[in-house]
PDB file of N, CA and C in Angstrom:
ATOM      1  N   MET A   1      14.921   2.038  46.900  1.00  0.00           N
ATOM      2  CA  MET A   1      15.925   2.331  45.774  1.00  0.00           C
ATOM      3  C   MET A   1      16.079   1.029  44.810  1.00  0.00           C
ATOM      4  N   ILE A   2      15.966   1.458  43.522  1.00  0.00           N
ATOM      5  CA  ILE A   2      16.044   0.930  42.522  1.00  0.00           C
ATOM      6  C   ILE A   2      17.353   0.527  41.962  1.00  0.00           C
ATOM      7  N   THR A   3      17.748  -0.754  41.823  1.00  0.00           N
ATOM      8  CA  THR A   3      19.233  -1.045  41.087  1.00  0.00           C
ATOM      9  C   THR A   3      19.301  -1.354  39.760  1.00  0.00           C
ATOM     10  N   ILE A   4      20.297  -0.726  39.065  1.00  0.00           N
ATOM     11  CA  ILE A   4      20.302  -1.078  37.475  1.00  0.00           C
ATOM     12  C   ILE A   4      21.442  -1.975  37.692  1.00  0.00           C
ATOM     13  N   VAL A   5      21.072  -3.250  37.038  1.00  0.00           N
ATOM     14  CA  VAL A   5      21.989  -4.489  37.164  1.00  0.00           C
ATOM     15  C   VAL A   5      22.218  -5.003  35.622  1.00  0.00           C
ATOM     16  N   GLY A   6      23.754  -5.617  35.624  1.00  0.00           N
ATOM     17  CA  GLY A   6      23.666  -6.440  34.307  1.00  0.00           C
ATOM     18  C   GLY A   6      23.523  -7.719  34.815  1.00  0.00           C
ATOM     19  N   VAL A   7      22.557  -8.609  34.024  1.00  0.00           N
ATOM     20  CA  VAL A   7      22.346 -10.050  34.515  1.00  0.00           C
ATOM     21  C   VAL A   7      22.797 -11.136  33.203  1.00  0.00           C
ATOM     22  N   ASN A   8      23.599 -11.480  33.552  1.00  0.00           N
ATOM     23  CA  ASN A   8      23.913 -12.323  32.025  1.00  0.00           C
ATOM     24  C   ASN A   8      24.196 -11.878  30.933  1.00  0.00           C
ATOM     25  N   GLY A   9      24.766 -10.577  30.808  1.00  0.00           N
ATOM     26  CA  GLY A   9      24.856 -10.124  29.609  1.00  0.00           C
ATOM     27  C   GLY A   9      23.727  -9.296  29.135  1.00  0.00           C
ATOM     28  N   SER A  10      22.538  -9.119  29.725  1.00  0.00           N
ATOM     29  CA  SER A  10      21.554  -8.259  29.620  1.00  0.00           C
ATOM     30  C   SER A  10      21.270  -7.311  30.811  1.00  0.00           C
ATOM     31  N   PHE A  11      20.812  -6.317  30.688  1.00  0.00           N
ATOM     32  CA  PHE A  11      20.581  -5.194  31.508  1.00  0.00           C
ATOM     33  C   PHE A  11      18.872  -5.360  32.086  1.00  0.00           C
ATOM     34  N   SER A  12      19.147  -4.614  33.515  1.00  0.00           N
ATOM     35  CA  SER A  12      17.446  -4.939  34.242  1.00  0.00           C
ATOM     36  C   SER A  12      17.549  -4.140  35.278  1.00  0.00           C
ATOM     37  N   TYR A  13      16.608  -3.762  35.826  1.00  0.00           N
ATOM     38  CA  TYR A  13      16.253  -2.938  36.950  1.00  0.00           C
ATOM     39  C   TYR A  13      15.694  -3.845  38.152  1.00  0.00           C
ATOM     40  N   ALA A  14      16.276  -3.662  39.402  1.00  0.00           N
ATOM     41  CA  ALA A  14      15.769  -4.458  40.343  1.00  0.00           C
ATOM     42  C   ALA A  14      15.185  -3.831  41.801  1.00  0.00           C
ATOM     43  N   PRO A  15      14.266  -3.959  42.339  1.00  0.00           N
ATOM     44  CA  PRO A  15      12.967  -4.764  41.886  1.00  0.00           C
ATOM     45  C   PRO A  15      12.314  -4.306  40.579  1.00  0.00           C
ATOM     46  N   ASN A  16      11.616  -5.149  39.947  1.00  0.00           N
ATOM     47  CA  ASN A  16      10.775  -4.979  38.833  1.00  0.00           C
ATOM     48  C   ASN A  16       9.625  -5.649  38.748  1.00  0.00           C
ATOM     49  N   PRO A  17       8.461  -5.376  39.303  1.00  0.00           N
ATOM     50  CA  PRO A  17       8.318  -4.020  39.346  1.00  0.00           C
ATOM     51  C   PRO A  17       8.573  -3.405  40.831  1.00  0.00           C
ATOM     52  N   ALA A  18       8.994  -2.206  40.832  1.00  0.00           N
ATOM     53  CA  ALA A  18       8.999  -1.671  42.217  1.00  0.00           C
ATOM     54  C   ALA A  18       7.905  -0.800  42.819  1.00  0.00           C
ATOM     55  N   GLY A  19       7.673  -0.689  43.784  1.00  0.00           N
ATOM     56  CA  GLY A  19       6.613  -0.020  44.642  1.00  0.00           C
ATOM     57  C   GLY A  19       6.868   1.045  45.485  1.00  0.00           C
ATOM     58  N   ALA A  20       6.260   1.902  45.555  1.00  0.00           N
ATOM     59  CA  ALA A  20       6.435   3.110  46.191  1.00  0.00           C
ATOM     60  C   ALA A  20       5.034   3.785  46.776  1.00  0.00           C
ATOM     61  N   ARG A  21       4.961   4.470  47.706  1.00  0.00           N
ATOM     62  CA  ARG A  21       3.904   5.417  47.833  1.00  0.00           C
ATOM     63  C   ARG A  21       3.621   6.947  47.685  1.00  0.00           C
ATOM     64  N   VAL A  22       2.792   7.404  47.461  1.00  0.00           N
ATOM     65  CA  VAL A  22       2.766   8.675  47.208  1.00  0.00           C
ATOM     66  C   VAL A  22       3.737   9.648  47.958  1.00  0.00           C
ATOM     67  N   GLY A  23       4.547  10.520  47.304  1.00  0.00           N
ATOM     68  CA  GLY A  23       5.295  11.363  48.165  1.00  0.00           C
ATOM     69  C   GLY A  23       6.456  10.773  48.498  1.00  0.00           C
ATOM     70  N   GLN A  24       6.749   9.380  48.292  1.00  0.00           N
ATOM     71  CA  GLN A  24       8.051   8.914  48.914  1.00  0.00           C
ATOM     72  C   GLN A  24       9.177   8.950  47.513  1.00  0.00           C
ATOM     73  N   ARG A  25      10.447   9.394  47.946  1.00  0.00           N
ATOM     74  CA  ARG A  25      11.566   9.285  46.939  1.00  0.00           C
ATOM     75  C   ARG A  25      11.833   8.101  46.784  1.00  0.00           C
ATOM     76  N   VAL A  26      12.301   7.928  45.376  1.00  0.00           N
ATOM     77  CA  VAL A  26      12.481   6.777  44.768  1.00  0.00           C
ATOM     78  C   VAL A  26      13.910   7.195  44.338  1.00  0.00           C
ATOM     79  N   LEU A  27      15.183   6.407  44.334  1.00  0.00           N
ATOM     80  CA  LEU A  27      16.649   6.540  44.042  1.00  0.00           C
ATOM     81  C   LEU A  27      16.715   5.335  42.832  1.00  0.00           C
ATOM     82  N   TRP A  28      17.508   5.452  41.959  1.00  0.00           N
ATOM     83  CA  TRP A  28      17.996   4.336  41.173  1.00  0.00           C
ATOM     84  C   TRP A  28      19.741   4.508  41.413  1.00  0.00           C
ATOM     85  N   ARG A  29      20.257   3.409  41.477  1.00  0.00           N
ATOM     86  CA  ARG A  29      21.677   3.222  41.741  1.00  0.00           C
ATOM     87  C   ARG A  29      22.256   2.377  40.640  1.00  0.00           C
ATOM     88  N   ASN A  30      23.045   2.765  39.723  1.00  0.00           N
ATOM     89  CA  ASN A  30      23.689   2.029  38.760  1.00  0.00           C
ATOM     90  C   ASN A  30      24.757   0.982  39.317  1.00  0.00           C
ATOM     91  N   ALA A  31      24.539  -0.053  39.313  1.00  0.00           N
ATOM     92  CA  ALA A  31      25.416  -1.053  39.659  1.00  0.00           C
ATOM     93  C   ALA A  31      25.998  -1.671  38.564  1.00  0.00           C
ATOM     94  N   ASP A  32      25.725  -1.407  37.428  1.00  0.00           N
ATOM     95  CA  ASP A  32      26.441  -2.132  36.233  1.00  0.00           C
ATOM     96  C   ASP A  32      27.780  -0.811  35.643  1.00  0.00           C
ATOM     97  N   THR A  33      28.381  -1.560  34.810  1.00  0.00           N
ATOM     98  CA  THR A  33      29.466  -0.803  34.216  1.00  0.00           C
ATOM     99  C   THR A  33      29.253  -0.084  33.356  1.00  0.00           C
ATOM    100  N   MET A  34      28.143  -0.035  32.632  1.00  0.00           N
ATOM    101  CA  MET A  34      27.692   1.009  31.677  1.00  0.00           C
ATOM    102  C   MET A  34      26.893   2.041  31.943  1.00  0.00           C
ATOM    103  N   THR A  35      26.577   3.370  31.417  1.00  0.00           N
ATOM    104  CA  THR A  35      25.861   4.376  31.460  1.00  0.00           C
ATOM    105  C   THR A  35      24.372   3.750  31.454  1.00  0.00           C
ATOM    106  N   HIS A  36      23.623   4.159  32.087  1.00  0.00           N
ATOM    107  CA  HIS A  36      21.881   4.071  31.915  1.00  0.00           C
ATOM    108  C   HIS A  36      21.071   5.243  32.287  1.00  0.00           C
ATOM    109  N   THR A  37      19.823   5.286  31.910  1.00  0.00           N
ATOM    110  CA  THR A  37      18.975   6.151  32.396  1.00  0.00           C
ATOM    111  C   THR A  37      17.830   5.569  32.997  1.00  0.00           C
ATOM    112  N   ALA A  38      16.628   6.108  33.543  1.00  0.00           N
ATOM    113  CA  ALA A  38      15.562   5.790  34.148  1.00  0.00           C
ATOM    114  C   ALA A  38      14.503   6.708  33.628  1.00  0.00           C
ATOM    115  N   THR A  39      13.939   6.448  32.714  1.00  0.00           N
ATOM    116  CA  THR A  39      12.962   7.769  31.954  1.00  0.00           C
ATOM    117  C   THR A  39      11.666   7.110  31.826  1.00  0.00           C
ATOM    118  N   ALA A  40      10.686   7.547  32.537  1.00  0.00           N
ATOM    119  CA  ALA A  40       9.457   7.577  32.443  1.00  0.00           C
ATOM    120  C   ALA A  40       8.799   7.718  31.130  1.00  0.00           C
ATOM    121  N   ASN A  41       7.987   6.733  30.556  1.00  0.00           N
ATOM    122  CA  ASN A  41       7.092   6.975  29.370  1.00  0.00           C
ATOM    123  C   ASN A  41       6.535   7.941  29.132  1.00  0.00           C
ATOM    124  N   GLY A  42       6.001   8.722  30.091  1.00  0.00           N
ATOM    125  CA  GLY A  42       4.973   9.665  30.025  1.00  0.00           C
ATOM    126  C   GLY A  42       5.763  10.965  30.397  1.00  0.00           C
ATOM    127  N   GLY A  43       7.043  10.901  30.680  1.00  0.00           N
ATOM    128  CA  GLY A  43       7.968  12.258  31.006  1.00  0.00           C
ATOM    129  C   GLY A  43       7.757  12.490  32.666  1.00  0.00           C
ATOM    130  N   ALA A  44       7.071  11.703  33.370  1.00  0.00           N
ATOM    131  CA  ALA A  44       7.049  12.082  34.966  1.00  0.00           C
ATOM    132  C   ALA A  44       8.331  12.272  35.552  1.00  0.00           C
ATOM    133  N   PHE A  45       9.357  11.557  35.034  1.00  0.00           N
ATOM    134  CA  PHE A  45      10.947  11.373  35.595  1.00  0.00           C
ATOM    135  C   PHE A  45      11.585  11.092  34.701  1.00  0.00           C
ATOM    136  N   ASP A  46      12.797  11.664  34.958  1.00  0.00           N
ATOM    137  CA  ASP A  46      13.966  11.167  34.043  1.00  0.00           C
ATOM    138  C   ASP A  46      15.135  11.475  34.920  1.00  0.00           C
ATOM    139  N   THR A  47      16.143  10.353  35.120  1.00  0.00           N
ATOM    140  CA  THR A  47      17.220  10.417  36.078  1.00  0.00           C
ATOM    141  C   THR A  47      18.404  11.020  35.504  1.00  0.00           C
ATOM    142  N   GLY A  48      18.139  11.135  34.093  1.00  0.00           N
ATOM    143  CA  GLY A  48      19.363  11.814  33.233  1.00  0.00           C
ATOM    144  C   GLY A  48      20.474  10.548  33.174  1.00  0.00           C
ATOM    145  N   LEU A  49      21.611  10.565  32.591  1.00  0.00           N
ATOM    146  CA  LEU A  49      22.599   9.686  32.557  1.00  0.00           C
ATOM    147  C   LEU A  49      23.272   9.460  33.996  1.00  0.00           C
ATOM    148  N   LEU A  50      23.022   7.779  34.307  1.00  0.00           N
ATOM    149  CA  LEU A  50      24.033   7.554  35.422  1.00  0.00           C
ATOM    150  C   LEU A  50      25.068   6.594  35.067  1.00  0.00           C
ATOM    151  N   THR A  51      26.194   7.050  35.426  1.00  0.00           N
ATOM    152  CA  THR A  51      27.370   6.369  34.934  1.00  0.00           C
ATOM    153  C   THR A  51      27.651   5.465  36.327  1.00  0.00           C
ATOM    154  N   ALA A  52      28.354   4.297  35.631  1.00  0.00           N
ATOM    155  CA  ALA A  52      28.641   3.088  36.579  1.00  0.00           C
ATOM    156  C   ALA A  52      29.004   3.802  38.028  1.00  0.00           C
ATOM    157  N   GLY A  53      28.044   3.240  38.809  1.00  0.00           N
ATOM    158  CA  GLY A  53      28.445   3.535  40.314  1.00  0.00           C
ATOM    159  C   GLY A  53      27.668   4.652  40.861  1.00  0.00           C
ATOM    160  N   ALA A  54      26.764   5.436  40.079  1.00  0.00           N
ATOM    161  CA  ALA A  54      26.113   6.407  40.250  1.00  0.00           C
ATOM    162  C   ALA A  54      24.838   6.428  41.003  1.00  0.00           C
ATOM    163  N   LEU A  55      24.522   7.484  41.577  1.00  0.00           N
ATOM    164  CA  LEU A  55      23.148   7.331  42.319  1.00  0.00           C
ATOM    165  C   LEU A  55      22.407   8.309  41.953  1.00  0.00           C
ATOM    166  N   SER A  56      20.987   8.232  41.431  1.00  0.00           N
ATOM    167  CA  SER A  56      20.142   9.278  41.001  1.00  0.00           C
ATOM    168  C   SER A  56      19.900  10.355  41.850  1.00  0.00           C
ATOM    169  N   ALA A  57      19.393  11.569  41.268  1.00  0.00           N
ATOM    170  CA  ALA A  57      18.792  12.135  42.342  1.00  0.00           C
ATOM    171  C   ALA A  57      17.218  11.773  42.714  1.00  0.00           C
ATOM    172  N   PRO A  58      17.100  12.163  43.968  1.00  0.00           N
ATOM    173  CA  PRO A  58      15.693  11.616  44.096  1.00  0.00           C
ATOM    174  C   PRO A  58      14.482  11.903  43.316  1.00  0.00           C
ATOM    175  N   VAL A  59      13.677  11.099  42.960  1.00  0.00           N
ATOM    176  CA  VAL A  59      12.492  11.343  42.320  1.00  0.00           C
ATOM    177  C   VAL A  59      11.082  11.275  43.270  1.00  0.00           C
ATOM    178  N   THR A  60      10.291  12.194  43.489  1.00  0.00           N
ATOM    179  CA  THR A  60       9.232  11.985  44.291  1.00  0.00           C
ATOM    180  C   THR A  60       7.936  11.942  43.332  1.00  0.00           C
ATOM    181  N   LEU A  61       7.133  10.601  43.621  1.00  0.00           N
ATOM    182  CA  LEU A  61       6.270  10.635  42.796  1.00  0.00           C
ATOM    183  C   LEU A  61       4.777  10.941  43.273  1.00  0.00           C
ATOM    184  N   GLY A  62       4.355  12.004  43.077  1.00  0.00           N
ATOM    185  CA  GLY A  62       3.085  12.758  43.664  1.00  0.00           C
ATOM    186  C   GLY A  62       2.120  12.337  43.384  1.00  0.00           C
ATOM    187  N   ALA A  63       1.612  11.025  42.600  1.00  0.00           N
ATOM    188  CA  ALA A  63       0.413  10.721  42.408  1.00  0.00           C
ATOM    189  C   ALA A  63       0.242   9.225  42.090  1.00  0.00           C
ATOM    190  N   PRO A  64      -0.924   8.532  42.815  1.00  0.00           N
ATOM    191  CA  PRO A  64      -0.862   7.080  42.555  1.00  0.00           C
ATOM    192  C   PRO A  64      -0.855   6.825  40.757  1.00  0.00           C
ATOM    193  N   GLY A  65      -0.578   5.571  40.605  1.00  0.00           N
ATOM    194  CA  GLY A  65      -0.659   5.148  39.474  1.00  0.00           C
ATOM    195  C   GLY A  65       0.615   4.151  38.996  1.00  0.00           C
ATOM    196  N   THR A  66       0.713   3.568  37.685  1.00  0.00           N
ATOM    197  CA  THR A  66       1.555   2.844  37.324  1.00  0.00           C
ATOM    198  C   THR A  66       2.564   3.598  36.236  1.00  0.00           C
ATOM    199  N   PHE A  67       3.777   3.538  36.623  1.00  0.00           N
ATOM    200  CA  PHE A  67       4.538   4.421  35.865  1.00  0.00           C
ATOM    201  C   PHE A  67       5.775   3.443  35.039  1.00  0.00           C
ATOM    202  N   PRO A  68       5.357   3.053  33.741  1.00  0.00           N
ATOM    203  CA  PRO A  68       6.470   2.442  33.285  1.00  0.00           C
ATOM    204  C   PRO A  68       7.797   3.389  32.710  1.00  0.00           C
ATOM    205  N   TYR A  69       8.965   2.777  32.674  1.00  0.00           N
ATOM    206  CA  TYR A  69       9.918   3.412  32.380  1.00  0.00           C
ATOM    207  C   TYR A  69      11.099   2.770  31.308  1.00  0.00           C
ATOM    208  N   PHE A  70      11.915   3.270  31.093  1.00  0.00           N
ATOM    209  CA  PHE A  70      12.934   2.607  30.139  1.00  0.00           C
ATOM    210  C   PHE A  70      14.349   3.314  30.099  1.00  0.00           C
ATOM    211  N   CYS A  71      15.385   2.759  29.845  1.00  0.00           N
ATOM    212  CA  CYS A  71      16.606   2.970  29.736  1.00  0.00           C
ATOM    213  C   CYS A  71      16.761   4.049  28.170  1.00  0.00           C
ATOM    214  N   GLY A  72      17.173   5.220  28.211  1.00  0.00           N
ATOM    215  CA  GLY A  72      17.218   6.094  27.059  1.00  0.00           C
ATOM    216  C   GLY A  72      18.296   5.632  26.500  1.00  0.00           C
ATOM    217  N   LEU A  73      19.085   4.747  26.791  1.00  0.00           N
ATOM    218  CA  LEU A  73      20.196   4.310  25.983  1.00  0.00           C
ATOM    219  C   LEU A  73      20.255   2.808  25.388  1.00  0.00           C
ATOM    220  N   HIS A  74      19.338   2.234  26.048  1.00  0.00           N
ATOM    221  CA  HIS A  74      19.031   0.585  25.581  1.00  0.00           C
ATOM    222  C   HIS A  74      17.571   0.475  25.899  1.00  0.00           C
ATOM    223  N   SER A  75      16.813   0.817  24.854  1.00  0.00           N
ATOM    224  CA  SER A  75      15.364   0.856  24.699  1.00  0.00           C
ATOM    225  C   SER A  75      14.799  -0.457  25.192  1.00  0.00           C
ATOM    226  N   ASP A  76      15.407  -1.709  25.086  1.00  0.00           N
ATOM    227  CA  ASP A  76      14.773  -2.874  25.345  1.00  0.00           C
ATOM    228  C   ASP A  76      14.733  -3.066  26.935  1.00  0.00           C
ATOM    229  N   MET A  77      15.332  -2.057  27.505  1.00  0.00           N
ATOM    230  CA  MET A  77      15.569  -2.381  29.084  1.00  0.00           C
ATOM    231  C   MET A  77      14.573  -1.244  29.652  1.00  0.00           C
ATOM    232  N   VAL A  78      13.576  -2.066  30.213  1.00  0.00           N
ATOM    233  CA  VAL A  78      12.278  -1.299  30.902  1.00  0.00           C
ATOM    234  C   VAL A  78      12.330  -1.881  32.274  1.00  0.00           C
ATOM    235  N   GLY A  79      11.285  -0.892  32.970  1.00  0.00           N
ATOM    236  CA  GLY A  79      10.792  -1.375  34.257  1.00  0.00           C
ATOM    237  C   GLY A  79       9.325  -0.606  34.695  1.00  0.00           C
ATOM    238  N   THR A  80       8.911  -0.966  35.818  1.00  0.00           N
ATOM    239  CA  THR A  80       7.642  -0.375  36.180  1.00  0.00           C
ATOM    240  C   THR A  80       7.626   0.331  37.712  1.00  0.00           C
ATOM    241  N   VAL A  81       7.384   1.534  38.071  1.00  0.00           N
ATOM    242  CA  VAL A  81       7.071   1.512  39.434  1.00  0.00           C
ATOM    243  C   VAL A  81       5.601   1.808  39.783  1.00  0.00           C
ATOM    244  N   THR A  82       4.982   1.106  40.565  1.00  0.00           N
ATOM    245  CA  THR A  82       3.441   1.161  40.827  1.00  0.00           C
ATOM    246  C   THR A  82       3.571   2.102  42.563  1.00  0.00           C
ATOM    247  N   VAL A  83       2.925   3.212  42.392  1.00  0.00           N
ATOM    248  CA  VAL A  83       2.743   4.169  43.293  1.00  0.00           C
ATOM    249  C   VAL A  83       1.227   3.846  43.862  1.00  0.00           C
ATOM    250  N   THR A  84       0.885   3.839  45.362  1.00  0.00           N
ATOM    251  CA  THR A  84      -0.034   3.507  45.898  1.00  0.00           C
ATOM    252  C   THR A  84      -0.196   4.774  46.776  1.00  0.00           C
ATOM    253  N   PRO A  85      -1.403   5.290  47.077  1.00  0.00           N
ATOM    254  CA  PRO A  85      -1.763   6.006  48.254  1.00  0.00           C
ATOM    255  C   PRO A  85      -1.391   5.860  49.583  1.00  0.00           C
TER     256      PRO A  85
END
């Protein structure tokens, strides 16, 4: 599970980078008071809007690689998921 947190007035994902194995389900939990997304740069996944306290639908990553992502509402908020076999 990746948590969306507010840290000293800035937004972040934790852990970052995150790790997963091929076929593993990944969830994002919004522990912040503002709405966020987790949207892959290449379109591999998009959680949609996650309001405060919301949990995303599971995202299954089916191939190894590095997947950078960002918040669609706060473009300077970025993260990475590294998927291994």
